[in-house]
Amino acid sequence: MTGSPVHKRARCAGDRRQSGDLHWPEVSWTVRSLLAGAGVAACIMMTAMSATASVKRSAAERAAAREVADEAQLVTEYAQYLTEQTTRARAVLSTPRLKPAVTPAMIAAEGAPIGDLVDFDFSNIEIARLDEEERTCLAQAIYYEARSESRVGRLAVADVVLNRVSSPVYPDTICEVVFQGSERKTGCQFSFTCDGSMKARLNKRMWSESEMLAGAVLAGIRKPVSRYATHYHADYVSPPWADTLTPTAVIGTHKFYRFPSRTIVAAAPAAM
């Protein structure tokens, strides 16, 4: 007999269960293999990401340590400079302002004053005046370009100015470097010289600090904190010339660059 319809349905259902039971171990093993492979891949990816993060963190820590070391060295030298300046100023202030009257005997003893006047080198006065102008121009660059930066950031801007003075591509004096192109509506090398920034009222404290810092730099307190950069820009802009130069440092909100090689190009790109 072929059996009743009920028995046929039961037998078919049993066949399906039996067939499914036969294939399930193979399906289960495949799924487990896939899951295991996915888990291994995830572990490898997480390990790689962790290693990358660790490398970046180490690099950031080394950069921060270098910046702290630079700052400490500069603060020490700057403090010594200010101490010497303060001592010199006190000596000047403590010197009596009224000198005793010169008698004819003293004049005769000292020799002919006319001869001393003729022999006096008036170029010393001109040199002193030029030095003061250079200090003022450097102080202006520090003040208008980086007064809100750290001391290292301000010294980096001064470093760029002096690097340009030393370069054959740019003028030979600080004032000429700072105000290069300022006579044109466009093309000024330092933006503050042609965008109206100098018309604003000075912050006396920050200006005084900029003057002292400029004096310290010209007195020899200088380290290559910009790593010999001749260009820089704020980190919120992307000037087209940046891609043609070699990055040297990131200090505060400024990114610094130098020429790709020591071979000076014929025409230098604009600075700011």
C-alpha atoms as a PDB file:
ATOM      1  CA  MET A   1       0.000   0.000   0.000  1.00  0.00           C
ATOM      2  CA  THR A   2       1.152   3.521  -0.652  1.00  0.00           C
ATOM      3  CA  GLY A   3      -0.154   4.701   2.712  1.00  0.00           C
ATOM      4  CA  SER A   4      -2.565   7.331   3.733  1.00  0.00           C
ATOM      5  CA  PRO A   5      -2.059  11.049   2.927  1.00  0.00           C
ATOM      6  CA  VAL A   6      -1.248  11.652   6.587  1.00  0.00           C
ATOM      7  CA  HIS A   7       1.557   9.123   6.549  1.00  0.00           C
ATOM      8  CA  LYS A   8       2.908  10.595   3.302  1.00  0.00           C
ATOM      9  CA  ARG A   9       3.047  14.112   4.770  1.00  0.00           C
ATOM     10  CA  ALA A  10       4.759  12.799   7.899  1.00  0.00           C
ATOM     11  CA  ARG A  11       7.284  10.895   5.841  1.00  0.00           C
ATOM     12  CA  CYS A  12       8.028  13.958   3.647  1.00  0.00           C
ATOM     13  CA  ALA A  13       8.514  16.119   6.707  1.00  0.00           C
ATOM     14  CA  GLY A  14      10.873  13.547   8.164  1.00  0.00           C
ATOM     15  CA  ASP A  15      12.835  13.425   4.930  1.00  0.00           C
ATOM     16  CA  ARG A  16      13.250  17.209   4.991  1.00  0.00           C
ATOM     17  CA  ARG A  17      14.436  17.153   8.617  1.00  0.00           C
ATOM     18  CA  GLN A  18      16.847  14.354   7.844  1.00  0.00           C
ATOM     19  CA  SER A  19      18.153  16.186   4.768  1.00  0.00           C
ATOM     20  CA  GLY A  20      18.621  19.396   6.781  1.00  0.00           C
ATOM     21  CA  ASP A  21      20.435  17.513   9.531  1.00  0.00           C
ATOM     22  CA  LEU A  22      22.842  16.084   7.001  1.00  0.00           C
ATOM     23  CA  HIS A  23      23.862  19.542   5.620  1.00  0.00           C
ATOM     24  CA  TRP A  24      23.825  21.582   8.864  1.00  0.00           C
ATOM     25  CA  PRO A  25      27.312  20.570  10.088  1.00  0.00           C
ATOM     26  CA  GLU A  26      28.787  21.744   6.779  1.00  0.00           C
ATOM     27  CA  VAL A  27      26.830  25.049   6.911  1.00  0.00           C
ATOM     28  CA  SER A  28      27.683  25.529  10.588  1.00  0.00           C
ATOM     29  CA  TRP A  29      31.400  24.960   9.944  1.00  0.00           C
ATOM     30  CA  THR A  30      31.402  27.485   7.090  1.00  0.00           C
ATOM     31  CA  VAL A  31      29.679  30.106   9.221  1.00  0.00           C
ATOM     32  CA  ARG A  32      32.065  29.496  12.077  1.00  0.00           C
ATOM     33  CA  SER A  33      35.041  29.797   9.731  1.00  0.00           C
ATOM     34  CA  LEU A  34      33.730  33.068   8.350  1.00  0.00           C
ATOM     35  CA  LEU A  35      33.101  34.430  11.834  1.00  0.00           C
ATOM     36  CA  ALA A  36      36.554  33.378  12.982  1.00  0.00           C
ATOM     37  CA  GLY A  37      38.164  34.988   9.932  1.00  0.00           C
ATOM     38  CA  ALA A  38      36.212  38.193  10.514  1.00  0.00           C
ATOM     39  CA  GLY A  39      37.318  38.198  14.139  1.00  0.00           C
ATOM     40  CA  VAL A  40      40.974  37.768  13.211  1.00  0.00           C
ATOM     41  CA  ALA A  41      40.710  40.553  10.612  1.00  0.00           C
ATOM     42  CA  ALA A  42      39.080  42.832  13.177  1.00  0.00           C
ATOM     43  CA  CYS A  43      41.858  42.094  15.682  1.00  0.00           C
ATOM     44  CA  ILE A  44      44.538  42.812  13.077  1.00  0.00           C
ATOM     45  CA  MET A  45      42.831  46.079  12.112  1.00  0.00           C
ATOM     46  CA  MET A  46      42.474  47.175  15.741  1.00  0.00           C
ATOM     47  CA  THR A  47      46.130  46.319  16.398  1.00  0.00           C
ATOM     48  CA  ALA A  48      47.231  48.335  13.361  1.00  0.00           C
ATOM     49  CA  MET A  49      45.073  51.306  14.391  1.00  0.00           C
ATOM     50  CA  SER A  50      46.445  51.120  17.923  1.00  0.00           C
ATOM     51  CA  ALA A  51      50.028  51.026  16.629  1.00  0.00           C
ATOM     52  CA  THR A  52      49.378  53.997  14.330  1.00  0.00           C
ATOM     53  CA  ALA A  53      47.826  55.977  17.174  1.00  0.00           C
ATOM     54  CA  SER A  54      50.788  55.112  19.382  1.00  0.00           C
ATOM     55  CA  VAL A  55      53.270  56.327  16.745  1.00  0.00           C
ATOM     56  CA  LYS A  56      51.362  59.576  16.272  1.00  0.00           C
ATOM     57  CA  ARG A  57      51.138  60.081  20.030  1.00  0.00           C
ATOM     58  CA  SER A  58      54.893  59.510  20.418  1.00  0.00           C
ATOM     59  CA  ALA A  59      55.651  61.965  17.612  1.00  0.00           C
ATOM     60  CA  ALA A  60      53.381  64.571  19.199  1.00  0.00           C
ATOM     61  CA  GLU A  61      55.034  64.059  22.575  1.00  0.00           C
ATOM     62  CA  ARG A  62      58.516  64.458  21.054  1.00  0.00           C
ATOM     63  CA  ALA A  63      57.441  67.627  19.252  1.00  0.00           C
ATOM     64  CA  ALA A  64      55.963  69.020  22.463  1.00  0.00           C
ATOM     65  CA  ALA A  65      59.155  68.184  24.353  1.00  0.00           C
ATOM     66  CA  ARG A  66      61.277  69.979  21.728  1.00  0.00           C
ATOM     67  CA  GLU A  67      59.051  73.040  21.925  1.00  0.00           C
ATOM     68  CA  VAL A  68      59.278  73.084  25.732  1.00  0.00           C
ATOM     69  CA  ALA A  69      63.076  72.772  25.543  1.00  0.00           C
ATOM     70  CA  ASP A  70      63.276  75.623  23.005  1.00  0.00           C
ATOM     71  CA  GLU A  71      61.015  77.768  25.152  1.00  0.00           C
ATOM     72  CA  ALA A  72      63.086  77.083  28.288  1.00  0.00           C
ATOM     73  CA  GLN A  73      66.350  77.958  26.544  1.00  0.00           C
ATOM     74  CA  LEU A  74      64.917  81.137  25.037  1.00  0.00           C
ATOM     75  CA  VAL A  75      63.369  82.223  28.326  1.00  0.00           C
ATOM     76  CA  THR A  76      66.738  81.777  30.065  1.00  0.00           C
ATOM     77  CA  GLU A  77      68.592  83.830  27.452  1.00  0.00           C
ATOM     78  CA  TYR A  78      65.844  86.437  27.325  1.00  0.00           C
ATOM     79  CA  ALA A  79      65.825  86.782  31.128  1.00  0.00           C
ATOM     80  CA  GLN A  80      69.598  87.286  31.110  1.00  0.00           C
ATOM     81  CA  TYR A  81      69.247  89.955  28.426  1.00  0.00           C
ATOM     82  CA  LEU A  82      66.540  91.781  30.370  1.00  0.00           C
ATOM     83  CA  THR A  83      68.654  91.626  33.531  1.00  0.00           C
ATOM     84  CA  GLU A  84      71.586  93.224  31.711  1.00  0.00           C
ATOM     85  CA  GLN A  85      69.323  95.889  30.229  1.00  0.00           C
ATOM     86  CA  THR A  86      67.807  96.635  33.635  1.00  0.00           C
ATOM     87  CA  THR A  87      71.255  96.940  35.232  1.00  0.00           C
ATOM     88  CA  ARG A  88      72.395  99.274  32.466  1.00  0.00           C
ATOM     89  CA  ALA A  89      69.239 101.409  32.781  1.00  0.00           C
ATOM     90  CA  ARG A  90      69.643 101.692  36.541  1.00  0.00           C
ATOM     91  CA  ALA A  91      73.256 102.757  36.099  1.00  0.00           C
ATOM     92  CA  VAL A  92      72.161 105.489  33.698  1.00  0.00           C
ATOM     93  CA  LEU A  93      69.404 106.683  36.029  1.00  0.00           C
ATOM     94  CA  SER A  94      71.695 106.733  39.040  1.00  0.00           C
ATOM     95  CA  THR A  95      74.286 108.855  37.228  1.00  0.00           C
ATOM     96  CA  PRO A  96      74.066 112.565  38.185  1.00  0.00           C
ATOM     97  CA  ARG A  97      72.414 114.522  35.408  1.00  0.00           C
ATOM     98  CA  LEU A  98      74.146 117.812  36.187  1.00  0.00           C
ATOM     99  CA  LYS A  99      77.830 117.894  35.448  1.00  0.00           C
ATOM    100  CA  PRO A 100      80.206 120.396  37.020  1.00  0.00           C
ATOM    101  CA  ALA A 101      80.936 123.501  34.963  1.00  0.00           C
ATOM    102  CA  VAL A 102      83.953 123.338  32.678  1.00  0.00           C
ATOM    103  CA  THR A 103      86.644 125.821  33.561  1.00  0.00           C
ATOM    104  CA  PRO A 104      89.091 127.382  31.088  1.00  0.00           C
ATOM    105  CA  ALA A 105      91.880 125.448  32.775  1.00  0.00           C
ATOM    106  CA  MET A 106      90.061 122.187  32.108  1.00  0.00           C
ATOM    107  CA  ILE A 107      89.553 123.121  28.465  1.00  0.00           C
ATOM    108  CA  ALA A 108      93.199 123.968  28.065  1.00  0.00           C
ATOM    109  CA  ALA A 109      94.237 120.761  29.782  1.00  0.00           C
ATOM    110  CA  GLU A 110      92.076 118.620  27.558  1.00  0.00           C
ATOM    111  CA  GLY A 111      93.293 120.164  24.343  1.00  0.00           C
ATOM    112  CA  ALA A 112      91.509 122.029  21.570  1.00  0.00           C
ATOM    113  CA  PRO A 113      87.787 121.128  21.515  1.00  0.00           C
ATOM    114  CA  ILE A 114      87.570 122.217  17.864  1.00  0.00           C
ATOM    115  CA  GLY A 115      90.039 119.545  16.912  1.00  0.00           C
ATOM    116  CA  ASP A 116      88.041 116.923  18.786  1.00  0.00           C
ATOM    117  CA  LEU A 117      84.919 118.044  16.947  1.00  0.00           C
ATOM    118  CA  VAL A 118      86.623 117.798  13.571  1.00  0.00           C
ATOM    119  CA  ASP A 119      87.958 114.342  14.353  1.00  0.00           C
ATOM    120  CA  PHE A 120      84.619 113.032  15.642  1.00  0.00           C
ATOM    121  CA  ASP A 121      83.179 110.248  13.485  1.00  0.00           C
ATOM    122  CA  PHE A 122      79.593 111.348  12.820  1.00  0.00           C
ATOM    123  CA  SER A 123      78.888 108.060  11.069  1.00  0.00           C
ATOM    124  CA  ASN A 124      78.453 106.600  14.575  1.00  0.00           C
ATOM    125  CA  ILE A 125      75.319 108.706  14.980  1.00  0.00           C
ATOM    126  CA  GLU A 126      73.983 107.495  11.628  1.00  0.00           C
ATOM    127  CA  ILE A 127      74.725 103.868  12.527  1.00  0.00           C
ATOM    128  CA  ALA A 128      72.898 104.250  15.849  1.00  0.00           C
ATOM    129  CA  ARG A 129      69.901 105.775  14.053  1.00  0.00           C
ATOM    130  CA  LEU A 130      69.805 102.951  11.501  1.00  0.00           C
ATOM    131  CA  ASP A 131      70.049 100.342  14.250  1.00  0.00           C
ATOM    132  CA  GLU A 132      67.054 101.910  15.983  1.00  0.00           C
ATOM    133  CA  GLU A 133      65.067 101.874  12.742  1.00  0.00           C
ATOM    134  CA  GLU A 134      65.908  98.205  12.173  1.00  0.00           C
ATOM    135  CA  ARG A 135      64.828  97.360  15.711  1.00  0.00           C
ATOM    136  CA  THR A 136      61.533  99.213  15.206  1.00  0.00           C
ATOM    137  CA  CYS A 137      60.826  97.414  11.909  1.00  0.00           C
ATOM    138  CA  LEU A 138      61.536  94.030  13.502  1.00  0.00           C
ATOM    139  CA  ALA A 139      59.349  94.929  16.485  1.00  0.00           C
ATOM    140  CA  GLN A 140      56.523  95.848  14.081  1.00  0.00           C
ATOM    141  CA  ALA A 141      56.773  92.473  12.352  1.00  0.00           C
ATOM    142  CA  ILE A 142      56.687  90.696  15.713  1.00  0.00           C
ATOM    143  CA  TYR A 143      53.799  92.800  17.013  1.00  0.00           C
ATOM    144  CA  TYR A 144      51.483  92.772  14.006  1.00  0.00           C
ATOM    145  CA  GLU A 145      52.210  89.226  12.858  1.00  0.00           C
ATOM    146  CA  ALA A 146      52.518  87.304  16.125  1.00  0.00           C
ATOM    147  CA  ARG A 147      51.677  89.359  19.218  1.00  0.00           C
ATOM    148  CA  SER A 148      49.116  86.739  20.328  1.00  0.00           C
ATOM    149  CA  GLU A 149      51.598  83.866  19.868  1.00  0.00           C
ATOM    150  CA  SER A 150      53.914  82.340  22.464  1.00  0.00           C
ATOM    151  CA  ARG A 151      57.430  83.725  22.858  1.00  0.00           C
ATOM    152  CA  VAL A 152      58.736  80.956  20.586  1.00  0.00           C
ATOM    153  CA  GLY A 153      56.069  81.847  18.015  1.00  0.00           C
ATOM    154  CA  ARG A 154      57.104  85.513  18.067  1.00  0.00           C
ATOM    155  CA  LEU A 155      60.777  84.632  17.793  1.00  0.00           C
ATOM    156  CA  ALA A 156      59.961  82.370  14.834  1.00  0.00           C
ATOM    157  CA  VAL A 157      58.505  85.351  12.939  1.00  0.00           C
ATOM    158  CA  ALA A 158      61.622  87.393  13.756  1.00  0.00           C
ATOM    159  CA  ASP A 159      63.706  84.437  12.582  1.00  0.00           C
ATOM    160  CA  VAL A 160      61.939  84.451   9.199  1.00  0.00           C
ATOM    161  CA  VAL A 161      62.668  88.183   8.789  1.00  0.00           C
ATOM    162  CA  LEU A 162      66.374  87.707   9.539  1.00  0.00           C
ATOM    163  CA  ASN A 163      66.559  84.619   7.296  1.00  0.00           C
ATOM    164  CA  ARG A 164      65.270  86.760   4.458  1.00  0.00           C
ATOM    165  CA  VAL A 165      67.835  89.463   5.185  1.00  0.00           C
ATOM    166  CA  SER A 166      70.531  86.776   4.849  1.00  0.00           C
ATOM    167  CA  SER A 167      69.054  85.447   1.588  1.00  0.00           C
ATOM    168  CA  PRO A 168      70.164  86.865  -1.801  1.00  0.00           C
ATOM    169  CA  VAL A 169      66.552  86.677  -2.954  1.00  0.00           C
ATOM    170  CA  TYR A 170      65.410  89.434  -0.592  1.00  0.00           C
ATOM    171  CA  PRO A 171      66.610  92.930   0.428  1.00  0.00           C
ATOM    172  CA  ASP A 172      69.612  93.404   2.697  1.00  0.00           C
ATOM    173  CA  THR A 173      67.992  95.246   5.614  1.00  0.00           C
ATOM    174  CA  ILE A 174      65.228  94.402   8.067  1.00  0.00           C
ATOM    175  CA  CYS A 175      63.085  97.395   7.153  1.00  0.00           C
ATOM    176  CA  GLU A 176      63.360  96.690   3.430  1.00  0.00           C
ATOM    177  CA  VAL A 177      62.415  93.039   3.994  1.00  0.00           C
ATOM    178  CA  VAL A 178      59.445  93.858   6.231  1.00  0.00           C
ATOM    179  CA  PHE A 179      58.038  96.600   3.976  1.00  0.00           C
ATOM    180  CA  GLN A 180      58.862  94.959   0.644  1.00  0.00           C
ATOM    181  CA  GLY A 181      55.955  95.506  -1.757  1.00  0.00           C
ATOM    182  CA  SER A 182      54.008  97.718   0.675  1.00  0.00           C
ATOM    183  CA  GLU A 183      53.921 100.522  -1.893  1.00  0.00           C
ATOM    184  CA  ARG A 184      51.590  98.394  -4.039  1.00  0.00           C
ATOM    185  CA  LYS A 185      47.959  97.519  -3.346  1.00  0.00           C
ATOM    186  CA  THR A 186      48.850  93.860  -3.761  1.00  0.00           C
ATOM    187  CA  GLY A 187      52.170  92.150  -3.411  1.00  0.00           C
ATOM    188  CA  CYS A 188      53.199  93.198   0.095  1.00  0.00           C
ATOM    189  CA  GLN A 189      55.285  90.471   1.692  1.00  0.00           C
ATOM    190  CA  PHE A 190      53.907  91.005   5.197  1.00  0.00           C
ATOM    191  CA  SER A 191      50.181  91.674   5.140  1.00  0.00           C
ATOM    192  CA  PHE A 192      50.139  94.213   7.977  1.00  0.00           C
ATOM    193  CA  THR A 193      52.159  96.668   5.860  1.00  0.00           C
ATOM    194  CA  CYS A 194      49.353  97.130   3.332  1.00  0.00           C
ATOM    195  CA  ASP A 195      46.045  96.047   4.913  1.00  0.00           C
ATOM    196  CA  GLY A 196      45.579  98.981   7.287  1.00  0.00           C
ATOM    197  CA  SER A 197      46.593  97.124  10.451  1.00  0.00           C
ATOM    198  CA  MET A 198      49.109  99.824  11.365  1.00  0.00           C
ATOM    199  CA  LYS A 199      46.328 102.410  11.655  1.00  0.00           C
ATOM    200  CA  ALA A 200      44.856 100.625  14.672  1.00  0.00           C
ATOM    201  CA  ARG A 201      45.705 101.712  18.188  1.00  0.00           C
ATOM    202  CA  LEU A 202      48.717  99.962  19.709  1.00  0.00           C
ATOM    203  CA  ASN A 203      48.451  97.742  22.738  1.00  0.00           C
ATOM    204  CA  LYS A 204      51.179  99.417  24.828  1.00  0.00           C
ATOM    205  CA  ARG A 205      52.110  96.326  26.836  1.00  0.00           C
ATOM    206  CA  MET A 206      52.369  94.066  23.793  1.00  0.00           C
ATOM    207  CA  TRP A 207      54.230  96.716  21.812  1.00  0.00           C
ATOM    208  CA  SER A 208      56.734  97.161  24.649  1.00  0.00           C
ATOM    209  CA  GLU A 209      57.271  93.379  24.744  1.00  0.00           C
ATOM    210  CA  SER A 210      57.756  93.321  20.964  1.00  0.00           C
ATOM    211  CA  GLU A 211      60.367  96.099  21.181  1.00  0.00           C
ATOM    212  CA  MET A 212      62.264  94.298  23.939  1.00  0.00           C
ATOM    213  CA  LEU A 213      62.120  91.024  22.050  1.00  0.00           C
ATOM    214  CA  ALA A 214      63.385  92.697  18.872  1.00  0.00           C
ATOM    215  CA  GLY A 215      66.244  94.225  20.835  1.00  0.00           C
ATOM    216  CA  ALA A 216      67.096  90.845  22.343  1.00  0.00           C
ATOM    217  CA  VAL A 217      67.127  89.194  18.910  1.00  0.00           C
ATOM    218  CA  LEU A 218      69.385  91.876  17.450  1.00  0.00           C
ATOM    219  CA  ALA A 219      71.634  91.555  20.507  1.00  0.00           C
ATOM    220  CA  GLY A 220      72.241  87.923  19.590  1.00  0.00           C
ATOM    221  CA  ILE A 221      69.546  86.005  21.476  1.00  0.00           C
ATOM    222  CA  ARG A 222      68.408  83.965  18.526  1.00  0.00           C
ATOM    223  CA  LYS A 223      67.811  80.289  17.843  1.00  0.00           C
ATOM    224  CA  PRO A 224      66.666  78.785  14.520  1.00  0.00           C
ATOM    225  CA  VAL A 225      63.239  77.937  15.939  1.00  0.00           C
ATOM    226  CA  SER A 226      61.669  78.197  12.476  1.00  0.00           C
ATOM    227  CA  ARG A 227      64.339  75.792  11.148  1.00  0.00           C
ATOM    228  CA  TYR A 228      65.650  78.315   8.608  1.00  0.00           C
ATOM    229  CA  ALA A 229      62.226  79.189   7.211  1.00  0.00           C
ATOM    230  CA  THR A 230      61.749  82.096   4.823  1.00  0.00           C
ATOM    231  CA  HIS A 231      57.945  81.855   4.600  1.00  0.00           C
ATOM    232  CA  TYR A 232      54.992  81.222   6.858  1.00  0.00           C
ATOM    233  CA  HIS A 233      51.221  81.494   6.859  1.00  0.00           C
ATOM    234  CA  ALA A 234      48.357  81.133   9.326  1.00  0.00           C
ATOM    235  CA  ASP A 235      47.007  77.608   9.704  1.00  0.00           C
ATOM    236  CA  TYR A 236      43.511  78.633   8.593  1.00  0.00           C
ATOM    237  CA  VAL A 237      44.597  79.560   5.045  1.00  0.00           C
ATOM    238  CA  SER A 238      46.142  77.505   2.223  1.00  0.00           C
ATOM    239  CA  PRO A 239      48.167  79.776  -0.097  1.00  0.00           C
ATOM    240  CA  PRO A 240      49.107  78.223  -3.457  1.00  0.00           C
ATOM    241  CA  TRP A 241      52.839  78.831  -2.925  1.00  0.00           C
ATOM    242  CA  ALA A 242      52.915  76.496   0.099  1.00  0.00           C
ATOM    243  CA  ASP A 243      52.913  73.421  -2.165  1.00  0.00           C
ATOM    244  CA  THR A 244      56.112  74.607  -3.846  1.00  0.00           C
ATOM    245  CA  LEU A 245      58.120  74.909  -0.606  1.00  0.00           C
ATOM    246  CA  THR A 246      59.422  72.533   2.058  1.00  0.00           C
ATOM    247  CA  PRO A 247      57.587  72.594   5.430  1.00  0.00           C
ATOM    248  CA  THR A 248      59.926  73.174   8.381  1.00  0.00           C
ATOM    249  CA  ALA A 249      57.808  73.694  11.495  1.00  0.00           C
ATOM    250  CA  VAL A 250      54.362  74.342  12.944  1.00  0.00           C
ATOM    251  CA  ILE A 251      54.492  76.809  15.828  1.00  0.00           C
ATOM    252  CA  GLY A 252      51.271  78.053  17.355  1.00  0.00           C
ATOM    253  CA  THR A 253      48.912  79.077  14.561  1.00  0.00           C
ATOM    254  CA  HIS A 254      51.660  79.456  11.948  1.00  0.00           C
ATOM    255  CA  LYS A 255      53.130  76.976   9.468  1.00  0.00           C
ATOM    256  CA  PHE A 256      56.705  77.648   8.331  1.00  0.00           C
ATOM    257  CA  TYR A 257      58.460  76.805   5.057  1.00  0.00           C
ATOM    258  CA  ARG A 258      61.805  77.179   3.292  1.00  0.00           C
ATOM    259  CA  PHE A 259      62.964  76.829  -0.271  1.00  0.00           C
ATOM    260  CA  PRO A 260      63.158  73.174  -1.438  1.00  0.00           C
ATOM    261  CA  SER A 261      66.954  73.318  -1.727  1.00  0.00           C
ATOM    262  CA  ARG A 262      69.810  75.657  -0.987  1.00  0.00           C
ATOM    263  CA  THR A 263      69.812  76.646  -4.637  1.00  0.00           C
ATOM    264  CA  ILE A 264      67.921  79.946  -4.629  1.00  0.00           C
ATOM    265  CA  VAL A 265      65.238  80.250  -7.262  1.00  0.00           C
ATOM    266  CA  ALA A 266      65.165  83.259  -9.552  1.00  0.00           C
ATOM    267  CA  ALA A 267      61.837  84.548  -8.311  1.00  0.00           C
ATOM    268  CA  ALA A 268      60.572  83.949  -4.796  1.00  0.00           C
ATOM    269  CA  PRO A 269      56.847  83.499  -4.125  1.00  0.00           C
ATOM    270  CA  ALA A 270      54.984  86.012  -1.994  1.00  0.00           C
ATOM    271  CA  ALA A 271      55.357  85.517   1.730  1.00  0.00           C
ATOM    272  CA  MET A 272      51.946  85.956   3.295  1.00  0.00           C
END
